[in-house]
């Protein structure tokens, strides 16, 4: 019967994955995902929109200019009807304009004092731009975690498939041996039937492993933007099923960071907390903006009117200018203003409470990822040792079976134990990589947390 050691099995796995095409590295996958992600693209568009709003808010500091022109046609020239006379002198009708009136008007209004409304709005626009910057970092970190997890899920699924395939070959070899022993009268028909049943189960497990690999590859293809790009050409189904060749990652080392260090880095680096701090600053400015209505609005207004045909300029073009200092306040709106200030204050309190809840959530997230990393690392060492023990147990059981000392059930159980040991090893290995990626995201680091 075929025997494969752990070293030989790993060599078989590596050799079976050799491809003519170049394997994608983890860094390359992250690069492709960021390049093709619609979520990242949307975040960048939001940054551009926020930058444009800063310009819009800043325009309120400058004078508002307005140019207008009018033309008026009267049914007759404006005049004093009847005969106008002074003593014995008759002047007839006196006209004070034309029936065609032209006007060109320019107006400029410069706000002098708004109770801080314009300054608060401009500051809010600038802070909102910072909010979109941190949002871009947040969605990038989330995408990187998805890609890393998807990458390791594909590698794990590949190993599960290979382990399941090797299990089928082992059971087939045992079935063939049992068939030969049956012909020699050493075992019974029941032993052969047990081997056939075990073979059918092993083949089902292989099909499940193949389906799991297809799903994990499809998920990674979507994250890399391959399915979406191909889908535009009408071949999304083919793209999502496209085989992904990945660079193998098997080297690992223990986590040297302490939980306290991880928590401090998370509270200092997490984009979500930066966003919450910005939201608090925005809420404070919202109070100031709402309270600006308590103060008068003062503006300097300048007008220049260039006319012809009016009573001021009956025959020739003439210009007239005026400068007005305007101040206004509506005390009847103080109740409305007070309500708006109270609403803004309530929003500030809600945002501060939200930050406190977020800190608690991030603390728990870091602790969970930290403990998961240590648990997975310990499981790797345990599972690796179990593989050697399971291989030796199968070897002894198979020899005893050939000698008629052990039963077919004993061999099948030993094969199942070896398959489980190998599956547990690869599950622990790639769960460790995933846990480290989750810890990397949890502490606000975009790089791979593999070395201190």
Protein backbone atom coordinates (compact mmCIF):
# COMPACT_ATOMS: atom_id res chain seq x y z
CA UNK A 1 0.00 0.00 0.00
CA UNK A 2 1.17 3.50 -0.81
CA UNK A 3 2.79 5.43 2.05
CA UNK A 4 3.59 9.15 2.01
CA UNK A 5 5.51 10.95 4.75
CA UNK A 6 4.79 14.57 5.73
CA UNK A 7 7.85 15.79 3.78
CA UNK A 8 6.87 13.72 0.79
CA UNK A 9 3.27 14.90 1.04
CA UNK A 10 4.31 18.56 1.15
CA UNK A 11 6.58 17.95 -1.86
CA UNK A 12 3.62 16.39 -3.65
CA UNK A 13 1.47 19.43 -2.86
CA UNK A 14 4.07 21.88 -4.09
CA UNK A 15 4.84 19.89 -7.22
CA UNK A 16 1.17 19.49 -8.09
CA UNK A 17 0.69 23.27 -7.97
CA UNK A 18 3.49 24.07 -10.45
CA UNK A 19 1.97 26.14 -13.25
CA UNK A 20 3.27 27.49 -16.52
CA UNK A 21 1.84 30.91 -15.69
CA UNK A 22 3.39 33.17 -13.08
CA UNK A 23 1.85 32.85 -9.64
CA UNK A 24 0.21 35.91 -8.10
CA UNK A 25 1.83 37.15 -4.90
CA UNK A 26 -0.18 38.47 -2.00
CA UNK A 27 1.12 41.98 -2.65
CA UNK A 28 0.14 41.77 -6.32
CA UNK A 29 -3.37 40.66 -5.39
CA UNK A 30 -3.73 43.62 -3.05
CA UNK A 31 -2.48 45.95 -5.79
CA UNK A 32 -4.97 44.57 -8.34
CA UNK A 33 -7.86 44.77 -5.88
CA UNK A 34 -7.17 48.41 -5.01
CA UNK A 35 -6.79 49.29 -8.69
CA UNK A 36 -10.08 47.66 -9.75
CA UNK A 37 -12.27 48.13 -6.67
CA UNK A 38 -15.42 50.22 -7.23
CA UNK A 39 -15.50 50.90 -3.49
CA UNK A 40 -12.06 52.53 -3.61
CA UNK A 41 -13.04 54.46 -6.72
CA UNK A 42 -16.17 55.72 -5.00
CA UNK A 43 -14.13 56.82 -1.97
CA UNK A 44 -11.78 58.82 -4.21
CA UNK A 45 -14.72 60.48 -5.94
CA UNK A 46 -16.06 61.47 -2.53
CA UNK A 47 -12.68 63.07 -1.78
CA UNK A 48 -12.89 65.09 -5.00
CA UNK A 49 -16.44 66.15 -4.15
CA UNK A 50 -15.35 67.27 -0.67
CA UNK A 51 -12.47 69.27 -2.15
CA UNK A 52 -14.88 71.05 -4.49
CA UNK A 53 -17.13 71.89 -1.54
CA UNK A 54 -14.21 73.68 0.14
CA UNK A 55 -13.96 75.98 -2.86
CA UNK A 56 -17.72 76.50 -2.77
CA UNK A 57 -17.69 77.39 0.93
CA UNK A 58 -14.71 79.73 0.49
CA UNK A 59 -16.55 81.69 -2.18
CA UNK A 60 -18.84 83.10 0.53
CA UNK A 61 -15.94 85.22 1.87
CA UNK A 62 -15.79 87.25 -1.35
CA UNK A 63 -18.20 89.86 -2.72
CA UNK A 64 -21.21 88.60 -4.57
CA UNK A 65 -21.25 90.29 -7.96
CA UNK A 66 -24.34 90.62 -10.09
CA UNK A 67 -24.78 92.17 -13.52
CA UNK A 68 -28.17 92.84 -15.09
CA UNK A 69 -29.60 94.69 -18.06
CA UNK A 70 -33.15 95.77 -18.85
CA UNK A 71 -34.99 97.33 -21.74
CA UNK A 72 -38.42 98.94 -21.29
CA UNK A 73 -40.73 100.17 -24.06
CA UNK A 74 -43.46 102.65 -23.03
CA UNK A 75 -46.60 103.41 -25.05
CA UNK A 76 -45.62 107.11 -25.00
CA UNK A 77 -42.96 109.33 -23.60
CA UNK A 78 -43.57 110.30 -19.96
CA UNK A 79 -44.52 113.97 -19.76
CA UNK A 80 -46.65 116.48 -17.93
CA UNK A 81 -49.93 116.55 -19.86
CA UNK A 82 -51.67 119.83 -20.91
CA UNK A 83 -50.12 123.16 -21.50
CA UNK A 84 -47.68 124.20 -18.85
CA UNK A 85 -47.31 127.95 -18.54
CA UNK A 86 -45.52 130.45 -16.36
CA UNK A 87 -47.48 133.67 -16.38
CA UNK A 88 -48.09 134.56 -19.97
CA UNK A 89 -45.44 132.11 -21.24
CA UNK A 90 -46.76 128.76 -22.45
CA UNK A 91 -44.28 125.85 -22.38
CA UNK A 92 -46.56 123.19 -23.82
CA UNK A 93 -46.02 119.54 -22.77
CA UNK A 94 -42.87 118.85 -20.72
CA UNK A 95 -41.24 115.48 -21.34
CA UNK A 96 -39.02 113.90 -18.65
CA UNK A 97 -37.90 110.74 -20.38
CA UNK A 98 -38.05 108.64 -23.51
CA UNK A 99 -40.38 105.83 -24.49
CA UNK A 100 -37.30 103.56 -24.89
CA UNK A 101 -35.51 103.04 -21.55
CA UNK A 102 -32.19 101.16 -21.31
CA UNK A 103 -30.44 100.18 -18.12
CA UNK A 104 -27.17 98.41 -17.32
CA UNK A 105 -26.69 97.65 -13.62
CA UNK A 106 -23.84 96.20 -11.58
CA UNK A 107 -24.12 95.24 -7.91
CA UNK A 108 -21.58 94.02 -5.38
CA UNK A 109 -22.40 92.79 -1.89
CA UNK A 110 -19.59 92.10 0.58
CA UNK A 111 -20.50 90.39 3.88
CA UNK A 112 -18.76 92.14 6.76
CA UNK A 113 -20.14 90.23 9.74
CA UNK A 114 -22.25 87.06 9.83
CA UNK A 115 -21.89 85.93 13.42
CA UNK A 116 -19.29 83.36 12.36
CA UNK A 117 -21.61 81.60 9.89
CA UNK A 118 -19.32 81.80 6.85
CA UNK A 119 -16.17 80.90 8.81
CA UNK A 120 -17.90 77.92 10.44
CA UNK A 121 -19.24 76.65 7.12
CA UNK A 122 -15.79 76.95 5.53
CA UNK A 123 -14.13 75.14 8.43
CA UNK A 124 -16.74 72.40 8.24
CA UNK A 125 -16.03 71.92 4.54
CA UNK A 126 -12.30 71.58 5.20
CA UNK A 127 -12.84 69.11 8.03
CA UNK A 128 -15.26 67.14 5.89
CA UNK A 129 -12.46 66.75 3.36
CA UNK A 130 -10.34 65.20 6.11
CA UNK A 131 -13.25 62.88 6.86
CA UNK A 132 -13.21 61.58 3.28
CA UNK A 133 -9.44 61.10 3.48
CA UNK A 134 -9.82 58.82 6.49
CA UNK A 135 -12.77 57.11 4.90
CA UNK A 136 -10.58 56.25 1.93
CA UNK A 137 -8.03 54.74 4.29
CA UNK A 138 -10.76 52.82 6.10
CA UNK A 139 -12.27 51.22 3.00
CA UNK A 140 -8.76 50.46 1.73
CA UNK A 141 -7.91 48.65 4.97
CA UNK A 142 -11.16 46.70 4.78
CA UNK A 143 -10.47 45.72 1.18
CA UNK A 144 -6.92 44.63 1.99
CA UNK A 145 -8.23 42.41 4.78
CA UNK A 146 -10.78 40.87 2.40
CA UNK A 147 -8.08 40.19 -0.19
CA UNK A 148 -5.69 38.67 2.31
CA UNK A 149 -8.40 36.50 3.81
CA UNK A 150 -9.53 35.48 0.32
CA UNK A 151 -5.93 34.71 -0.68
CA UNK A 152 -5.39 32.41 2.29
CA UNK A 153 -8.81 30.83 1.85
CA UNK A 154 -7.83 29.81 -1.69
CA UNK A 155 -4.55 28.31 -0.48
CA UNK A 156 -6.37 26.48 2.29
CA UNK A 157 -9.00 25.19 -0.12
CA UNK A 158 -6.25 23.96 -2.47
CA UNK A 159 -4.69 22.00 0.38
CA UNK A 160 -8.05 20.58 1.41
CA UNK A 161 -8.60 19.38 -2.14
CA UNK A 162 -5.16 17.76 -2.31
CA UNK A 163 -5.65 16.12 1.08
CA UNK A 164 -9.04 14.84 -0.04
CA UNK A 165 -7.53 13.56 -3.29
CA UNK A 166 -4.79 11.73 -1.42
CA UNK A 167 -7.43 10.24 0.89
CA UNK A 168 -9.26 8.84 -2.16
CA UNK A 169 -6.05 7.28 -3.44
CA UNK A 170 -5.33 5.76 -0.03
CA UNK A 171 -8.80 4.25 0.26
CA UNK A 172 -8.63 2.98 -3.32
CA UNK A 173 -5.33 1.26 -2.52
CA UNK A 174 -6.88 -0.25 0.59
CA UNK A 175 -9.89 -1.39 -1.39
CA UNK A 176 -7.64 -3.08 -3.95
CA UNK A 177 -5.63 -4.75 -1.21
CA UNK A 178 -8.80 -5.93 0.52
CA UNK A 179 -10.07 -7.35 -2.78
CA UNK A 180 -6.85 -9.34 -3.17
CA UNK A 181 -6.99 -10.55 0.42
CA UNK A 182 -10.61 -11.57 -0.12
CA UNK A 183 -9.61 -13.73 -3.07
CA UNK A 184 -6.98 -15.31 -0.87
CA UNK A 185 -9.58 -16.02 1.80
CA UNK A 186 -7.87 -13.83 4.40
CA UNK A 187 -10.70 -11.27 4.84
CA UNK A 188 -14.44 -11.37 4.44
CA UNK A 189 -16.84 -9.80 1.96
CA UNK A 190 -17.90 -7.37 4.69
CA UNK A 191 -14.37 -5.93 4.78
CA UNK A 192 -14.52 -5.20 1.07
CA UNK A 193 -17.94 -3.58 1.43
CA UNK A 194 -16.61 -1.36 4.19
CA UNK A 195 -13.76 -0.30 1.91
CA UNK A 196 -16.23 0.47 -0.91
CA UNK A 197 -18.37 2.58 1.42
CA UNK A 198 -15.31 4.45 2.69
CA UNK A 199 -14.20 5.06 -0.90
CA UNK A 200 -17.59 6.51 -1.80
CA UNK A 201 -17.40 8.83 1.22
CA UNK A 202 -13.87 9.89 0.32
CA UNK A 203 -14.97 10.74 -3.22
CA UNK A 204 -17.84 12.84 -1.84
CA UNK A 205 -15.41 14.67 0.39
CA UNK A 206 -13.21 15.33 -2.64
CA UNK A 207 -16.15 16.81 -4.58
CA UNK A 208 -16.97 19.06 -1.62
CA UNK A 209 -13.34 20.17 -1.47
CA UNK A 210 -13.39 20.94 -5.20
CA UNK A 211 -16.55 23.01 -4.79
CA UNK A 212 -15.00 24.83 -1.85
CA UNK A 213 -11.96 25.66 -3.97
CA UNK A 214 -14.14 27.00 -6.79
CA UNK A 215 -16.05 29.22 -4.35
CA UNK A 216 -12.89 30.61 -2.77
CA UNK A 217 -11.34 31.26 -6.19
CA UNK A 218 -14.54 32.95 -7.37
CA UNK A 219 -14.53 35.20 -4.30
CA UNK A 220 -10.91 36.17 -4.92
CA UNK A 221 -11.60 36.83 -8.60
CA UNK A 222 -14.37 39.23 -7.62
CA UNK A 223 -12.12 41.01 -5.13
CA UNK A 224 -9.39 41.37 -7.75
CA UNK A 225 -11.87 42.89 -10.19
CA UNK A 226 -11.43 40.07 -12.69
CA UNK A 227 -15.08 38.97 -12.74
CA UNK A 228 -16.37 42.52 -13.06
CA UNK A 229 -14.05 43.46 -15.91
CA UNK A 230 -14.82 40.30 -17.82
CA UNK A 231 -18.49 40.71 -17.07
CA UNK A 232 -18.50 43.90 -19.09
CA UNK A 233 -17.66 41.76 -22.10
CA UNK A 234 -20.42 39.29 -21.28
CA UNK A 235 -18.24 36.55 -19.79
CA UNK A 236 -18.68 37.09 -16.06
CA UNK A 237 -19.46 33.43 -15.51
CA UNK A 238 -16.18 32.34 -17.06
CA UNK A 239 -14.21 35.02 -15.22
CA UNK A 240 -15.50 34.09 -11.79
CA UNK A 241 -14.53 30.47 -12.41
CA UNK A 242 -11.09 31.36 -13.73
CA UNK A 243 -8.38 29.42 -11.95
CA UNK A 244 -6.19 31.52 -9.69
CA UNK A 245 -2.52 30.59 -9.37
CA UNK A 246 -1.10 31.92 -6.12
CA UNK A 247 2.33 32.01 -4.60
CA UNK A 248 2.57 29.58 -1.71
CA UNK A 249 3.06 30.92 1.82
CA UNK A 250 4.04 28.41 4.48
CA UNK A 251 6.62 30.27 6.60
CA UNK A 252 5.23 31.56 9.85
CA UNK A 253 6.48 32.85 13.15
CA UNK A 254 4.96 33.59 16.51
CA UNK A 255 3.45 36.95 17.36
CA UNK A 256 5.89 39.04 19.39
CA UNK A 257 3.57 41.99 20.06
CA UNK A 258 1.84 42.20 23.40
CA UNK A 259 -1.90 42.75 23.70
CA UNK A 260 -1.31 46.10 25.39
CA UNK A 261 0.89 47.25 22.48
CA UNK A 262 -1.75 46.15 19.97
CA UNK A 263 -4.46 48.05 21.82
CA UNK A 264 -2.37 51.24 21.97
CA UNK A 265 -1.62 51.06 18.25
CA UNK A 266 -5.28 50.46 17.43
CA UNK A 267 -6.43 53.50 19.42
CA UNK A 268 -3.75 55.61 17.75
CA UNK A 269 -4.14 54.41 14.18
CA UNK A 270 -7.65 53.20 13.44
CA UNK A 271 -9.26 55.30 10.68
CA UNK A 272 -12.69 54.83 12.25
CA UNK A 273 -11.55 56.60 15.41
CA UNK A 274 -10.01 59.41 13.37
CA UNK A 275 -13.32 59.78 11.56
CA UNK A 276 -15.20 59.88 14.86
CA UNK A 277 -12.90 62.61 16.17
CA UNK A 278 -13.56 64.61 13.00
CA UNK A 279 -17.31 64.07 13.41
CA UNK A 280 -17.03 65.48 16.94
CA UNK A 281 -15.24 68.55 15.57
CA UNK A 282 -17.95 68.92 12.93
CA UNK A 283 -20.65 68.67 15.59
CA UNK A 284 -18.98 71.48 17.58
CA UNK A 285 -18.86 73.65 14.49
CA UNK A 286 -22.49 72.78 13.90
CA UNK A 287 -23.34 74.41 17.23
CA UNK A 288 -21.44 77.52 16.21
CA UNK A 289 -23.14 77.58 12.82
CA UNK A 290 -26.59 77.25 14.36
CA UNK A 291 -25.85 80.01 16.88
CA UNK A 292 -24.79 82.48 14.18
CA UNK A 293 -28.43 83.43 13.69
CA UNK A 294 -28.37 85.14 17.11
CA UNK A 295 -26.14 87.85 15.63
CA UNK A 296 -26.86 90.54 13.04
CA UNK A 297 -25.89 90.10 9.42
CA UNK A 298 -23.88 93.12 8.24
CA UNK A 299 -22.96 93.71 4.61
CA UNK A 300 -21.62 96.49 2.39
CA UNK A 301 -23.58 96.89 -0.85
CA UNK A 302 -22.41 98.87 -3.85
CA UNK A 303 -24.53 99.59 -6.96
CA UNK A 304 -23.76 101.25 -10.27
CA UNK A 305 -26.61 101.97 -12.72
CA UNK A 306 -25.92 103.07 -16.29
CA UNK A 307 -29.13 104.41 -17.91
CA UNK A 308 -30.55 106.02 -20.98
CA UNK A 309 -34.11 107.15 -21.64
CA UNK A 310 -35.11 107.48 -17.98
CA UNK A 311 -36.01 110.66 -16.20
CA UNK A 312 -32.42 110.87 -14.87
CA UNK A 313 -30.86 110.30 -18.31
CA UNK A 314 -33.46 111.26 -20.86
CA UNK A 315 -31.26 111.50 -23.95
CA UNK A 316 -27.72 110.39 -23.16
CA UNK A 317 -26.17 107.50 -21.22
CA UNK A 318 -25.47 108.46 -17.62
CA UNK A 319 -24.14 106.48 -14.65
CA UNK A 320 -25.31 106.59 -11.06
CA UNK A 321 -23.68 104.85 -8.06
CA UNK A 322 -24.60 104.20 -4.46
CA UNK A 323 -23.01 102.55 -1.42
CA UNK A 324 -25.13 101.07 1.35
CA UNK A 325 -24.16 99.67 4.72
CA UNK A 326 -26.82 97.09 5.59
CA UNK A 327 -27.48 95.37 8.91
CA UNK A 328 -30.33 93.01 9.72
CA UNK A 329 -31.47 90.72 12.52
CA UNK A 330 -34.72 88.91 13.12
CA UNK A 331 -35.44 88.51 16.86
CA UNK A 332 -38.58 86.52 16.05
CA UNK A 333 -36.33 83.69 14.86
CA UNK A 334 -34.51 83.39 18.18
CA UNK A 335 -36.78 80.52 19.25
CA UNK A 336 -35.98 78.65 16.06
CA UNK A 337 -32.28 79.38 16.52
CA UNK A 338 -32.34 78.12 20.10
CA UNK A 339 -33.95 74.88 18.93
CA UNK A 340 -31.30 74.43 16.24
CA UNK A 341 -28.52 75.02 18.77
CA UNK A 342 -30.06 72.43 21.10
CA UNK A 343 -30.29 69.94 18.25
CA UNK A 344 -26.63 70.52 17.36
CA UNK A 345 -25.65 70.06 21.00
CA UNK A 346 -27.57 66.79 21.14
CA UNK A 347 -25.81 65.59 18.00
CA UNK A 348 -22.47 66.39 19.62
CA UNK A 349 -23.37 64.29 22.65
CA UNK A 350 -24.49 61.40 20.45
CA UNK A 351 -21.24 61.52 18.49
CA UNK A 352 -19.15 61.48 21.67
CA UNK A 353 -21.13 58.50 22.95
CA UNK A 354 -20.62 56.82 19.58
CA UNK A 355 -16.87 57.24 19.90
CA UNK A 356 -16.92 55.64 23.35
CA UNK A 357 -18.86 52.65 21.97
CA UNK A 358 -16.44 52.42 19.06
CA UNK A 359 -13.44 52.33 21.41
CA UNK A 360 -15.05 49.42 23.25
CA UNK A 361 -15.77 47.64 19.98
CA UNK A 362 -12.22 48.12 18.67
CA UNK A 363 -10.78 46.90 21.98
CA UNK A 364 -12.82 43.71 21.72
CA UNK A 365 -11.90 43.31 18.03
CA UNK A 366 -8.18 43.59 18.80
CA UNK A 367 -8.42 41.16 21.69
CA UNK A 368 -10.33 38.64 19.57
CA UNK A 369 -7.81 38.81 16.71
CA UNK A 370 -4.89 38.66 19.14
CA UNK A 371 -6.18 35.58 20.92
CA UNK A 372 -7.12 33.95 17.61
CA UNK A 373 -3.54 34.43 16.40
CA UNK A 374 -2.08 32.74 19.48
CA UNK A 375 -4.62 29.92 19.38
CA UNK A 376 -4.02 29.24 15.69
CA UNK A 377 -0.23 29.31 16.18
CA UNK A 378 -0.43 26.77 18.99
CA UNK A 379 -2.74 24.62 16.88
CA UNK A 380 -0.17 24.54 14.05
CA UNK A 381 2.45 22.93 16.24
CA UNK A 382 -0.01 20.45 17.70
CA UNK A 383 -1.41 19.50 14.28
CA UNK A 384 2.05 19.13 12.77
CA UNK A 385 3.02 16.64 15.47
CA UNK A 386 -0.26 14.77 15.01
CA UNK A 387 0.49 14.18 11.32
CA UNK A 388 3.65 12.22 12.11
CA UNK A 389 1.84 10.18 14.73
CA UNK A 390 -1.04 9.48 12.34
CA UNK A 391 1.34 8.43 9.56
CA UNK A 392 3.14 6.01 11.86
CA UNK A 393 -0.16 4.65 13.18
CA UNK A 394 -1.38 4.00 9.63
CA UNK A 395 1.86 2.27 8.69
CA UNK A 396 1.66 -0.10 11.68
CA UNK A 397 -2.05 -0.75 11.16
CA UNK A 398 -1.56 -1.56 7.46
CA UNK A 399 1.24 -4.03 8.28
CA UNK A 400 -0.91 -5.68 10.91
CA UNK A 401 -3.80 -5.82 8.46
CA UNK A 402 -1.67 -7.64 5.90
CA UNK A 403 -0.78 -10.13 8.59
CA UNK A 404 -4.42 -10.57 9.52
CA UNK A 405 -4.00 -9.06 12.99
CA UNK A 406 -5.89 -5.78 12.37
CA UNK A 407 -9.24 -5.33 10.69
CA UNK A 408 -10.29 -3.31 7.67
CA UNK A 409 -12.07 -0.94 10.03
CA UNK A 410 -8.80 -0.32 11.87
CA UNK A 411 -7.07 0.65 8.61
CA UNK A 412 -9.93 2.90 7.52
CA UNK A 413 -9.95 4.58 10.92
CA UNK A 414 -6.20 5.15 10.70
CA UNK A 415 -6.56 6.62 7.22
CA UNK A 416 -9.34 8.91 8.47
CA UNK A 417 -7.13 10.03 11.35
CA UNK A 418 -4.30 10.87 8.95
CA UNK A 419 -6.65 12.80 6.65
CA UNK A 420 -8.04 14.71 9.63
CA UNK A 421 -4.53 15.47 10.92
CA UNK A 422 -3.45 16.88 7.57
CA UNK A 423 -6.68 18.86 7.23
CA UNK A 424 -6.31 20.22 10.77
CA UNK A 425 -2.73 21.26 10.06
CA UNK A 426 -3.58 23.28 6.97
CA UNK A 427 -6.68 24.73 8.61
CA UNK A 428 -4.58 25.92 11.56
CA UNK A 429 -1.81 27.24 9.28
CA UNK A 430 -4.03 29.40 7.10
CA UNK A 431 -6.34 30.37 9.95
CA UNK A 432 -3.20 31.74 11.58
CA UNK A 433 -2.40 33.83 8.50
CA UNK A 434 -5.99 35.08 8.40
CA UNK A 435 -5.94 35.89 12.13
CA UNK A 436 -2.73 37.86 11.65
CA UNK A 437 -4.31 39.77 8.76
CA UNK A 438 -7.32 40.54 10.96
CA UNK A 439 -5.00 41.72 13.72
CA UNK A 440 -3.15 43.89 11.21
CA UNK A 441 -6.39 45.59 10.26
CA UNK A 442 -7.57 45.78 13.88
CA UNK A 443 -4.50 47.76 14.98
CA UNK A 444 -4.70 50.08 11.97
CA UNK A 445 -1.68 48.75 10.09
CA UNK A 446 -1.99 48.15 6.36
CA UNK A 447 1.19 46.07 6.16
CA UNK A 448 1.30 42.32 6.77
CA UNK A 449 1.78 41.62 10.48
CA UNK A 450 4.35 38.85 10.16
CA UNK A 451 7.36 40.41 11.86
CA UNK A 452 7.67 42.75 14.77
